[in-house]
């Protein structure tokens, strides 16, 4: 299977790097600045083992023919530019596996490439790129889940899903197909939106928020706002799942932060529109009020405006 990883950043670079390390046929589509950083190899710093490996690189405009799989690991605000770059690599049998958060990217990708081409995907990994261009893994978790989004297949393990599963298994991270990938995507969105809103609005880690008067109640209220939107859209989280995630968001002493908060601290762009704004809009379309989530979104819009 010929795999094109779009972006060699914190997510695409990590999973693509592990695939390359495992001997898969992987090529990275990168911009010139990142290509320069990778001239001496892609570097991973991880509790699962550090690695430096030579990788195949290609630039926009240099793609020759379709790939079997496109693993899309860019930030949401870079999606449109990424689509323009990798479109020549999409053929009639190409499968696109996005590892983005939320659901808006599915609408964008299917509008451009059709329903059939796009799988659902959820990645769970905490990584960032350091000043030397290394991809640094911040926690043990490294999981990639994928599946048909329903429709004519009803979430079944199709032939392409079986082939994809075979290609991704045994590559140094947990990989598995899900019969209900849309639920998994919504659950991650609810968790990530709540975590991002809480940490960005409070400017602190989960444990710091939990240590304040009213902090745990604030975090749980944010979670239940996000869950109410999911429920209104037909994807209600289970009570068991909500209780577990509520425990994560209120854990005493937890150093957990969101990628949005880490980007905010660095003065980098944030995925506020894709993760918070789109969730608020979908809730409003169903008459769901989200005052806490909206406050966090206003906060991040001001940050984006000042940054611009």
C-alpha atoms as a PDB file:
ATOM      1  CA  UNK A   1       0.000   0.000   0.000  1.00  0.00           C
ATOM      2  CA  UNK A   2       1.391   3.369  -1.062  1.00  0.00           C
ATOM      3  CA  UNK A   3       0.744   5.875   1.722  1.00  0.00           C
ATOM      4  CA  UNK A   4       0.926   9.657   1.407  1.00  0.00           C
ATOM      5  CA  UNK A   5       1.084  11.464   4.736  1.00  0.00           C
ATOM      6  CA  UNK A   6      -0.047  15.054   4.309  1.00  0.00           C
ATOM      7  CA  UNK A   7       1.991  17.073   6.765  1.00  0.00           C
ATOM      8  CA  UNK A   8       4.900  15.890   8.881  1.00  0.00           C
ATOM      9  CA  UNK A   9       3.767  17.782  11.943  1.00  0.00           C
ATOM     10  CA  UNK A  10       2.917  16.613  15.425  1.00  0.00           C
ATOM     11  CA  UNK A  11       0.220  14.145  14.329  1.00  0.00           C
ATOM     12  CA  UNK A  12       1.028  13.176  10.734  1.00  0.00           C
ATOM     13  CA  UNK A  13       4.728  13.126  11.483  1.00  0.00           C
ATOM     14  CA  UNK A  14       4.290  10.833  14.466  1.00  0.00           C
ATOM     15  CA  UNK A  15       2.030   8.211  12.896  1.00  0.00           C
ATOM     16  CA  UNK A  16       3.735   8.487   9.516  1.00  0.00           C
ATOM     17  CA  UNK A  17       7.133   8.195  11.172  1.00  0.00           C
ATOM     18  CA  UNK A  18       6.140   5.020  12.995  1.00  0.00           C
ATOM     19  CA  UNK A  19       4.758   3.581   9.754  1.00  0.00           C
ATOM     20  CA  UNK A  20       8.001   4.396   7.946  1.00  0.00           C
ATOM     21  CA  UNK A  21      10.002   2.901  10.812  1.00  0.00           C
ATOM     22  CA  UNK A  22       7.957  -0.299  10.423  1.00  0.00           C
ATOM     23  CA  UNK A  23       8.880  -0.526   6.753  1.00  0.00           C
ATOM     24  CA  UNK A  24       5.661   0.721   5.166  1.00  0.00           C
ATOM     25  CA  UNK A  25       5.799   2.574   1.843  1.00  0.00           C
ATOM     26  CA  UNK A  26       5.347   6.107   3.193  1.00  0.00           C
ATOM     27  CA  UNK A  27       5.900   9.466   1.513  1.00  0.00           C
ATOM     28  CA  UNK A  28       5.421  12.804   3.283  1.00  0.00           C
ATOM     29  CA  UNK A  29       3.898  15.792   1.480  1.00  0.00           C
ATOM     30  CA  UNK A  30       5.572  18.802   3.089  1.00  0.00           C
ATOM     31  CA  UNK A  31       6.235  22.499   2.599  1.00  0.00           C
ATOM     32  CA  UNK A  32       9.807  23.723   1.963  1.00  0.00           C
ATOM     33  CA  UNK A  33      10.482  24.838   5.556  1.00  0.00           C
ATOM     34  CA  UNK A  34       9.546  21.441   7.002  1.00  0.00           C
ATOM     35  CA  UNK A  35      11.451  19.673   4.228  1.00  0.00           C
ATOM     36  CA  UNK A  36      14.580  21.524   5.307  1.00  0.00           C
ATOM     37  CA  UNK A  37      14.098  20.329   8.900  1.00  0.00           C
ATOM     38  CA  UNK A  38      13.760  16.742   7.687  1.00  0.00           C
ATOM     39  CA  UNK A  39      16.877  16.775   5.540  1.00  0.00           C
ATOM     40  CA  UNK A  40      18.726  14.742   8.171  1.00  0.00           C
ATOM     41  CA  UNK A  41      15.751  12.519   8.904  1.00  0.00           C
ATOM     42  CA  UNK A  42      12.498  12.604  10.830  1.00  0.00           C
ATOM     43  CA  UNK A  43      13.192  12.585  14.572  1.00  0.00           C
ATOM     44  CA  UNK A  44      10.854  11.156  17.204  1.00  0.00           C
ATOM     45  CA  UNK A  45      11.308  11.565  20.952  1.00  0.00           C
ATOM     46  CA  UNK A  46       8.920   9.207  22.669  1.00  0.00           C
ATOM     47  CA  UNK A  47       8.408   7.109  25.808  1.00  0.00           C
ATOM     48  CA  UNK A  48       7.920   4.255  23.350  1.00  0.00           C
ATOM     49  CA  UNK A  49      11.404   4.746  21.946  1.00  0.00           C
ATOM     50  CA  UNK A  50      13.294   7.561  20.243  1.00  0.00           C
ATOM     51  CA  UNK A  51      14.012   7.220  16.551  1.00  0.00           C
ATOM     52  CA  UNK A  52      15.611   9.043  13.650  1.00  0.00           C
ATOM     53  CA  UNK A  53      14.876   7.782  10.166  1.00  0.00           C
ATOM     54  CA  UNK A  54      15.304   8.932   6.596  1.00  0.00           C
ATOM     55  CA  UNK A  55      11.934   9.583   4.971  1.00  0.00           C
ATOM     56  CA  UNK A  56      10.690  10.125   1.440  1.00  0.00           C
ATOM     57  CA  UNK A  57       9.508  13.685   0.840  1.00  0.00           C
ATOM     58  CA  UNK A  58       7.514  15.308  -1.931  1.00  0.00           C
ATOM     59  CA  UNK A  59       6.423  18.898  -2.412  1.00  0.00           C
ATOM     60  CA  UNK A  60       3.210  20.390  -3.741  1.00  0.00           C
ATOM     61  CA  UNK A  61       3.213  20.224  -7.524  1.00  0.00           C
ATOM     62  CA  UNK A  62       5.540  17.207  -7.602  1.00  0.00           C
ATOM     63  CA  UNK A  63       2.967  14.457  -7.056  1.00  0.00           C
ATOM     64  CA  UNK A  64       2.955  11.854  -9.804  1.00  0.00           C
ATOM     65  CA  UNK A  65      -0.114   9.637  -9.813  1.00  0.00           C
ATOM     66  CA  UNK A  66      -2.548   8.489  -7.142  1.00  0.00           C
ATOM     67  CA  UNK A  67      -1.752   6.892  -3.786  1.00  0.00           C
ATOM     68  CA  UNK A  68      -3.689   4.102  -2.134  1.00  0.00           C
ATOM     69  CA  UNK A  69      -4.045   5.920   1.188  1.00  0.00           C
ATOM     70  CA  UNK A  70      -3.815   9.568   2.148  1.00  0.00           C
ATOM     71  CA  UNK A  71      -3.309  10.059   5.887  1.00  0.00           C
ATOM     72  CA  UNK A  72      -4.339  13.642   6.557  1.00  0.00           C
ATOM     73  CA  UNK A  73      -2.773  15.034   9.720  1.00  0.00           C
ATOM     74  CA  UNK A  74      -2.834  18.814   9.285  1.00  0.00           C
ATOM     75  CA  UNK A  75      -4.429  21.396  11.557  1.00  0.00           C
ATOM     76  CA  UNK A  76      -8.000  22.353  10.665  1.00  0.00           C
ATOM     77  CA  UNK A  77      -7.065  25.888   9.634  1.00  0.00           C
ATOM     78  CA  UNK A  78      -4.635  24.428   7.058  1.00  0.00           C
ATOM     79  CA  UNK A  79      -7.188  22.070   5.503  1.00  0.00           C
ATOM     80  CA  UNK A  80      -8.062  24.096   2.404  1.00  0.00           C
ATOM     81  CA  UNK A  81      -4.416  24.609   1.481  1.00  0.00           C
ATOM     82  CA  UNK A  82      -3.690  20.936   2.124  1.00  0.00           C
ATOM     83  CA  UNK A  83      -6.523  19.845  -0.170  1.00  0.00           C
ATOM     84  CA  UNK A  84      -5.119  21.965  -2.986  1.00  0.00           C
ATOM     85  CA  UNK A  85      -1.710  20.349  -2.433  1.00  0.00           C
ATOM     86  CA  UNK A  86      -2.732  16.684  -2.269  1.00  0.00           C
ATOM     87  CA  UNK A  87      -5.647  16.670  -4.755  1.00  0.00           C
ATOM     88  CA  UNK A  88      -3.432  15.361  -7.605  1.00  0.00           C
ATOM     89  CA  UNK A  89      -2.697  12.272  -5.472  1.00  0.00           C
ATOM     90  CA  UNK A  90      -6.370  11.274  -5.273  1.00  0.00           C
ATOM     91  CA  UNK A  91      -7.491   8.643  -7.780  1.00  0.00           C
ATOM     92  CA  UNK A  92     -10.697   6.591  -8.120  1.00  0.00           C
ATOM     93  CA  UNK A  93      -9.472   3.992  -5.597  1.00  0.00           C
ATOM     94  CA  UNK A  94      -7.747   6.353  -3.150  1.00  0.00           C
ATOM     95  CA  UNK A  95      -8.850   6.262   0.475  1.00  0.00           C
ATOM     96  CA  UNK A  96      -8.567   9.465   2.525  1.00  0.00           C
ATOM     97  CA  UNK A  97      -8.151   8.966   6.278  1.00  0.00           C
ATOM     98  CA  UNK A  98      -8.379  12.306   8.131  1.00  0.00           C
ATOM     99  CA  UNK A  99      -7.009  12.550  11.657  1.00  0.00           C
ATOM    100  CA  UNK A 100      -8.561  15.966  12.318  1.00  0.00           C
ATOM    101  CA  UNK A 101     -10.876  16.878  15.172  1.00  0.00           C
ATOM    102  CA  UNK A 102     -14.553  17.739  14.954  1.00  0.00           C
ATOM    103  CA  UNK A 103     -16.768  17.056  11.937  1.00  0.00           C
ATOM    104  CA  UNK A 104     -16.485  20.063   9.632  1.00  0.00           C
ATOM    105  CA  UNK A 105     -13.535  18.575   7.749  1.00  0.00           C
ATOM    106  CA  UNK A 106     -15.705  15.607   6.726  1.00  0.00           C
ATOM    107  CA  UNK A 107     -18.135  17.995   5.035  1.00  0.00           C
ATOM    108  CA  UNK A 108     -15.278  19.765   3.250  1.00  0.00           C
ATOM    109  CA  UNK A 109     -13.540  16.571   2.116  1.00  0.00           C
ATOM    110  CA  UNK A 110     -16.669  14.794   0.905  1.00  0.00           C
ATOM    111  CA  UNK A 111     -17.784  17.897  -0.999  1.00  0.00           C
ATOM    112  CA  UNK A 112     -14.446  17.890  -2.840  1.00  0.00           C
ATOM    113  CA  UNK A 113     -13.732  14.165  -3.272  1.00  0.00           C
ATOM    114  CA  UNK A 114     -17.077  12.434  -2.762  1.00  0.00           C
ATOM    115  CA  UNK A 115     -18.575  10.394   0.055  1.00  0.00           C
ATOM    116  CA  UNK A 116     -16.905   7.148  -0.976  1.00  0.00           C
ATOM    117  CA  UNK A 117     -13.334   8.421  -0.734  1.00  0.00           C
ATOM    118  CA  UNK A 118     -13.431   9.591   2.891  1.00  0.00           C
ATOM    119  CA  UNK A 119     -13.210   7.376   5.970  1.00  0.00           C
ATOM    120  CA  UNK A 120     -13.848   8.516   9.501  1.00  0.00           C
ATOM    121  CA  UNK A 121     -10.840   8.690  11.789  1.00  0.00           C
ATOM    122  CA  UNK A 122      -9.918   9.427  15.386  1.00  0.00           C
ATOM    123  CA  UNK A 123      -6.364   9.803  16.650  1.00  0.00           C
ATOM    124  CA  UNK A 124      -5.396   9.903  20.298  1.00  0.00           C
ATOM    125  CA  UNK A 125      -1.848  11.153  20.751  1.00  0.00           C
ATOM    126  CA  UNK A 126      -0.223  14.038  22.625  1.00  0.00           C
ATOM    127  CA  UNK A 127       2.673  15.357  20.572  1.00  0.00           C
ATOM    128  CA  UNK A 128       4.312  18.626  19.651  1.00  0.00           C
ATOM    129  CA  UNK A 129       7.215  19.801  17.520  1.00  0.00           C
ATOM    130  CA  UNK A 130      10.111  21.288  19.478  1.00  0.00           C
ATOM    131  CA  UNK A 131      12.479  24.061  18.402  1.00  0.00           C
ATOM    132  CA  UNK A 132      14.771  21.517  16.742  1.00  0.00           C
ATOM    133  CA  UNK A 133      11.984  20.094  14.593  1.00  0.00           C
ATOM    134  CA  UNK A 134      11.678  16.866  16.599  1.00  0.00           C
ATOM    135  CA  UNK A 135       8.258  15.353  17.204  1.00  0.00           C
ATOM    136  CA  UNK A 136       8.018  14.954  20.974  1.00  0.00           C
ATOM    137  CA  UNK A 137       5.424  12.612  22.461  1.00  0.00           C
ATOM    138  CA  UNK A 138       4.102  13.989  25.763  1.00  0.00           C
ATOM    139  CA  UNK A 139       2.142  10.944  27.007  1.00  0.00           C
ATOM    140  CA  UNK A 140       2.049   7.201  26.435  1.00  0.00           C
ATOM    141  CA  UNK A 141      -1.192   7.077  24.460  1.00  0.00           C
ATOM    142  CA  UNK A 142      -0.817   6.515  20.693  1.00  0.00           C
ATOM    143  CA  UNK A 143      -3.972   5.272  19.050  1.00  0.00           C
ATOM    144  CA  UNK A 144      -5.445   5.541  15.565  1.00  0.00           C
ATOM    145  CA  UNK A 145      -9.025   4.391  14.970  1.00  0.00           C
ATOM    146  CA  UNK A 146     -10.760   4.360  11.581  1.00  0.00           C
ATOM    147  CA  UNK A 147     -13.910   3.085   9.921  1.00  0.00           C
ATOM    148  CA  UNK A 148     -16.568   3.476   7.283  1.00  0.00           C
ATOM    149  CA  UNK A 149     -18.906   6.315   8.177  1.00  0.00           C
ATOM    150  CA  UNK A 150     -22.045   4.280   7.424  1.00  0.00           C
ATOM    151  CA  UNK A 151     -24.166   4.945   4.375  1.00  0.00           C
ATOM    152  CA  UNK A 152     -24.220   2.006   1.973  1.00  0.00           C
ATOM    153  CA  UNK A 153     -21.833  -0.032   4.147  1.00  0.00           C
ATOM    154  CA  UNK A 154     -23.533   0.586   7.478  1.00  0.00           C
ATOM    155  CA  UNK A 155     -20.178   0.675   9.240  1.00  0.00           C
ATOM    156  CA  UNK A 156     -19.196  -2.820   8.065  1.00  0.00           C
ATOM    157  CA  UNK A 157     -15.585  -3.920   7.610  1.00  0.00           C
ATOM    158  CA  UNK A 158     -15.297  -3.390   3.858  1.00  0.00           C
ATOM    159  CA  UNK A 159     -12.495  -4.828   1.728  1.00  0.00           C
ATOM    160  CA  UNK A 160     -10.609  -1.532   1.789  1.00  0.00           C
ATOM    161  CA  UNK A 161     -10.962  -1.353   5.553  1.00  0.00           C
ATOM    162  CA  UNK A 162      -9.522  -4.845   5.915  1.00  0.00           C
ATOM    163  CA  UNK A 163      -6.565  -3.821   3.697  1.00  0.00           C
ATOM    164  CA  UNK A 164      -6.064  -0.624   5.673  1.00  0.00           C
ATOM    165  CA  UNK A 165      -6.186  -2.528   8.946  1.00  0.00           C
ATOM    166  CA  UNK A 166      -3.485  -4.896   7.698  1.00  0.00           C
ATOM    167  CA  UNK A 167      -1.267  -1.971   6.658  1.00  0.00           C
ATOM    168  CA  UNK A 168      -1.573  -0.093   9.960  1.00  0.00           C
ATOM    169  CA  UNK A 169      -1.409  -2.972  12.417  1.00  0.00           C
ATOM    170  CA  UNK A 170       1.962  -3.719  13.982  1.00  0.00           C
ATOM    171  CA  UNK A 171       3.495  -0.350  13.169  1.00  0.00           C
ATOM    172  CA  UNK A 172       4.401   0.719  16.695  1.00  0.00           C
ATOM    173  CA  UNK A 173       1.088   2.243  17.749  1.00  0.00           C
ATOM    174  CA  UNK A 174      -2.388   0.957  18.547  1.00  0.00           C
ATOM    175  CA  UNK A 175      -4.495   0.782  15.394  1.00  0.00           C
ATOM    176  CA  UNK A 176      -7.937  -0.701  14.927  1.00  0.00           C
ATOM    177  CA  UNK A 177     -11.053  -0.436  12.814  1.00  0.00           C
ATOM    178  CA  UNK A 178     -14.288   0.678  14.472  1.00  0.00           C
ATOM    179  CA  UNK A 179     -17.799  -0.417  13.440  1.00  0.00           C
ATOM    180  CA  UNK A 180     -19.130   2.923  14.761  1.00  0.00           C
ATOM    181  CA  UNK A 181     -16.493   5.492  13.882  1.00  0.00           C
ATOM    182  CA  UNK A 182     -18.952   8.396  13.791  1.00  0.00           C
ATOM    183  CA  UNK A 183     -19.786   7.873  17.466  1.00  0.00           C
ATOM    184  CA  UNK A 184     -16.072   7.761  18.256  1.00  0.00           C
ATOM    185  CA  UNK A 185     -15.536  11.025  16.351  1.00  0.00           C
ATOM    186  CA  UNK A 186     -18.348  12.772  18.217  1.00  0.00           C
ATOM    187  CA  UNK A 187     -17.125  11.507  21.578  1.00  0.00           C
ATOM    188  CA  UNK A 188     -13.649  12.821  20.917  1.00  0.00           C
ATOM    189  CA  UNK A 189     -15.078  16.131  19.736  1.00  0.00           C
ATOM    190  CA  UNK A 190     -17.130  16.546  22.919  1.00  0.00           C
ATOM    191  CA  UNK A 191     -14.130  15.699  25.100  1.00  0.00           C
ATOM    192  CA  UNK A 192     -11.698  17.877  23.175  1.00  0.00           C
ATOM    193  CA  UNK A 193     -14.047  20.852  22.969  1.00  0.00           C
ATOM    194  CA  UNK A 194     -14.682  20.710  26.712  1.00  0.00           C
ATOM    195  CA  UNK A 195     -11.001  20.271  27.546  1.00  0.00           C
ATOM    196  CA  UNK A 196      -9.968  23.026  25.150  1.00  0.00           C
ATOM    197  CA  UNK A 197     -12.601  25.448  26.365  1.00  0.00           C
ATOM    198  CA  UNK A 198     -11.816  24.832  30.037  1.00  0.00           C
ATOM    199  CA  UNK A 199      -8.035  25.072  29.753  1.00  0.00           C
ATOM    200  CA  UNK A 200      -7.997  28.022  27.337  1.00  0.00           C
ATOM    201  CA  UNK A 201     -10.599  30.045  29.224  1.00  0.00           C
ATOM    202  CA  UNK A 202      -8.955  29.415  32.612  1.00  0.00           C
ATOM    203  CA  UNK A 203      -5.385  29.482  31.238  1.00  0.00           C
ATOM    204  CA  UNK A 204      -4.432  26.428  33.254  1.00  0.00           C
ATOM    205  CA  UNK A 205      -4.127  22.646  33.310  1.00  0.00           C
ATOM    206  CA  UNK A 206      -6.931  20.356  34.475  1.00  0.00           C
ATOM    207  CA  UNK A 207      -5.447  19.990  37.956  1.00  0.00           C
ATOM    208  CA  UNK A 208      -5.059  23.740  38.359  1.00  0.00           C
ATOM    209  CA  UNK A 209      -8.709  24.272  37.468  1.00  0.00           C
ATOM    210  CA  UNK A 210      -9.781  21.427  39.766  1.00  0.00           C
ATOM    211  CA  UNK A 211      -7.942  23.076  42.683  1.00  0.00           C
ATOM    212  CA  UNK A 212     -10.027  26.267  42.482  1.00  0.00           C
ATOM    213  CA  UNK A 213     -13.333  27.066  44.143  1.00  0.00           C
ATOM    214  CA  UNK A 214     -15.967  26.132  41.596  1.00  0.00           C
ATOM    215  CA  UNK A 215     -13.424  24.701  39.169  1.00  0.00           C
ATOM    216  CA  UNK A 216     -14.738  21.115  39.037  1.00  0.00           C
ATOM    217  CA  UNK A 217     -18.324  22.334  38.636  1.00  0.00           C
ATOM    218  CA  UNK A 218     -17.219  24.669  35.844  1.00  0.00           C
ATOM    219  CA  UNK A 219     -15.463  21.832  33.998  1.00  0.00           C
ATOM    220  CA  UNK A 220     -18.441  19.501  34.314  1.00  0.00           C
ATOM    221  CA  UNK A 221     -20.849  22.196  33.161  1.00  0.00           C
ATOM    222  CA  UNK A 222     -18.677  22.752  30.072  1.00  0.00           C
ATOM    223  CA  UNK A 223     -18.654  19.023  29.355  1.00  0.00           C
ATOM    224  CA  UNK A 224     -22.437  18.761  29.656  1.00  0.00           C
ATOM    225  CA  UNK A 225     -22.938  21.741  27.321  1.00  0.00           C
ATOM    226  CA  UNK A 226     -20.844  20.007  24.679  1.00  0.00           C
ATOM    227  CA  UNK A 227     -22.639  16.709  25.269  1.00  0.00           C
ATOM    228  CA  UNK A 228     -26.021  18.438  24.886  1.00  0.00           C
ATOM    229  CA  UNK A 229     -25.043  19.553  21.378  1.00  0.00           C
ATOM    230  CA  UNK A 230     -23.977  16.023  20.459  1.00  0.00           C
ATOM    231  CA  UNK A 231     -27.272  14.662  21.777  1.00  0.00           C
ATOM    232  CA  UNK A 232     -29.281  17.202  19.786  1.00  0.00           C
ATOM    233  CA  UNK A 233     -27.376  16.138  16.669  1.00  0.00           C
ATOM    234  CA  UNK A 234     -28.251  12.489  17.280  1.00  0.00           C
ATOM    235  CA  UNK A 235     -24.998  11.369  18.901  1.00  0.00           C
ATOM    236  CA  UNK A 236     -25.659  11.422  22.633  1.00  0.00           C
ATOM    237  CA  UNK A 237     -22.760  10.157  24.763  1.00  0.00           C
ATOM    238  CA  UNK A 238     -23.621   7.384  27.190  1.00  0.00           C
ATOM    239  CA  UNK A 239     -23.867   8.165  30.921  1.00  0.00           C
ATOM    240  CA  UNK A 240     -20.922   5.842  31.553  1.00  0.00           C
ATOM    241  CA  UNK A 241     -18.755   7.702  29.035  1.00  0.00           C
ATOM    242  CA  UNK A 242     -19.763  11.088  30.452  1.00  0.00           C
ATOM    243  CA  UNK A 243     -18.915   9.980  33.984  1.00  0.00           C
ATOM    244  CA  UNK A 244     -15.493   8.747  32.885  1.00  0.00           C
ATOM    245  CA  UNK A 245     -14.640  11.913  30.952  1.00  0.00           C
ATOM    246  CA  UNK A 246     -15.988  14.031  33.802  1.00  0.00           C
ATOM    247  CA  UNK A 247     -13.473  12.320  36.056  1.00  0.00           C
ATOM    248  CA  UNK A 248     -10.686  13.103  33.598  1.00  0.00           C
ATOM    249  CA  UNK A 249     -11.647  16.790  33.430  1.00  0.00           C
ATOM    250  CA  UNK A 250     -11.789  17.205  37.204  1.00  0.00           C
ATOM    251  CA  UNK A 251      -8.816  15.056  38.268  1.00  0.00           C
ATOM    252  CA  UNK A 252      -6.870  16.616  41.138  1.00  0.00           C
ATOM    253  CA  UNK A 253      -3.282  17.411  40.245  1.00  0.00           C
ATOM    254  CA  UNK A 254      -3.689  16.437  36.592  1.00  0.00           C
ATOM    255  CA  UNK A 255      -1.168  18.131  34.289  1.00  0.00           C
ATOM    256  CA  UNK A 256      -3.426  17.543  31.271  1.00  0.00           C
ATOM    257  CA  UNK A 257      -3.916  20.421  28.854  1.00  0.00           C
ATOM    258  CA  UNK A 258      -5.411  20.669  25.383  1.00  0.00           C
ATOM    259  CA  UNK A 259      -3.477  21.150  22.160  1.00  0.00           C
ATOM    260  CA  UNK A 260      -5.337  24.444  21.724  1.00  0.00           C
ATOM    261  CA  UNK A 261      -4.048  25.651  25.080  1.00  0.00           C
ATOM    262  CA  UNK A 262      -0.494  24.592  24.225  1.00  0.00           C
ATOM    263  CA  UNK A 263      -0.773  26.448  20.903  1.00  0.00           C
ATOM    264  CA  UNK A 264      -2.215  29.456  22.720  1.00  0.00           C
ATOM    265  CA  UNK A 265       0.752  29.590  25.103  1.00  0.00           C
ATOM    266  CA  UNK A 266       3.153  29.511  22.148  1.00  0.00           C
ATOM    267  CA  UNK A 267       1.331  32.314  20.348  1.00  0.00           C
ATOM    268  CA  UNK A 268       0.454  29.925  17.505  1.00  0.00           C
ATOM    269  CA  UNK A 269      -2.806  29.688  15.521  1.00  0.00           C
ATOM    270  CA  UNK A 270      -5.583  27.726  17.235  1.00  0.00           C
ATOM    271  CA  UNK A 271      -8.393  25.499  15.936  1.00  0.00           C
ATOM    272  CA  UNK A 272     -11.105  27.485  17.690  1.00  0.00           C
ATOM    273  CA  UNK A 273     -13.430  27.753  14.678  1.00  0.00           C
ATOM    274  CA  UNK A 274     -13.322  24.052  13.859  1.00  0.00           C
ATOM    275  CA  UNK A 275     -13.544  22.682  17.411  1.00  0.00           C
ATOM    276  CA  UNK A 276     -15.613  25.285  19.271  1.00  0.00           C
ATOM    277  CA  UNK A 277     -17.280  27.486  16.666  1.00  0.00           C
ATOM    278  CA  UNK A 278     -18.703  24.634  14.622  1.00  0.00           C
ATOM    279  CA  UNK A 279     -20.015  22.857  17.730  1.00  0.00           C
ATOM    280  CA  UNK A 280     -21.737  26.061  18.882  1.00  0.00           C
ATOM    281  CA  UNK A 281     -23.280  26.548  15.411  1.00  0.00           C
ATOM    282  CA  UNK A 282     -24.613  22.987  15.303  1.00  0.00           C
ATOM    283  CA  UNK A 283     -26.065  23.416  18.757  1.00  0.00           C
ATOM    284  CA  UNK A 284     -27.725  26.708  17.816  1.00  0.00           C
ATOM    285  CA  UNK A 285     -29.315  25.027  14.792  1.00  0.00           C
ATOM    286  CA  UNK A 286     -31.068  22.686  17.247  1.00  0.00           C
ATOM    287  CA  UNK A 287     -31.894  25.361  19.821  1.00  0.00           C
ATOM    288  CA  UNK A 288     -29.182  24.300  22.294  1.00  0.00           C
ATOM    289  CA  UNK A 289     -27.798  27.123  24.449  1.00  0.00           C
ATOM    290  CA  UNK A 290     -24.030  27.028  25.064  1.00  0.00           C
ATOM    291  CA  UNK A 291     -23.080  30.080  27.156  1.00  0.00           C
ATOM    292  CA  UNK A 292     -19.855  28.649  28.647  1.00  0.00           C
ATOM    293  CA  UNK A 293     -18.650  27.274  25.334  1.00  0.00           C
ATOM    294  CA  UNK A 294     -19.507  30.583  23.664  1.00  0.00           C
ATOM    295  CA  UNK A 295     -17.491  32.498  26.281  1.00  0.00           C
ATOM    296  CA  UNK A 296     -14.455  30.357  25.510  1.00  0.00           C
ATOM    297  CA  UNK A 297     -14.972  30.886  21.779  1.00  0.00           C
ATOM    298  CA  UNK A 298     -15.183  34.663  22.209  1.00  0.00           C
ATOM    299  CA  UNK A 299     -11.967  34.531  24.220  1.00  0.00           C
ATOM    300  CA  UNK A 300     -10.167  32.614  21.463  1.00  0.00           C
ATOM    301  CA  UNK A 301     -11.562  34.814  18.703  1.00  0.00           C
ATOM    302  CA  UNK A 302     -10.121  37.848  20.481  1.00  0.00           C
ATOM    303  CA  UNK A 303      -6.781  36.023  20.734  1.00  0.00           C
ATOM    304  CA  UNK A 304      -6.886  35.236  17.007  1.00  0.00           C
ATOM    305  CA  UNK A 305      -7.736  38.815  16.162  1.00  0.00           C
ATOM    306  CA  UNK A 306      -4.909  40.235  18.255  1.00  0.00           C
ATOM    307  CA  UNK A 307      -2.503  37.670  16.848  1.00  0.00           C
ATOM    308  CA  UNK A 308      -3.499  38.558  13.272  1.00  0.00           C
END
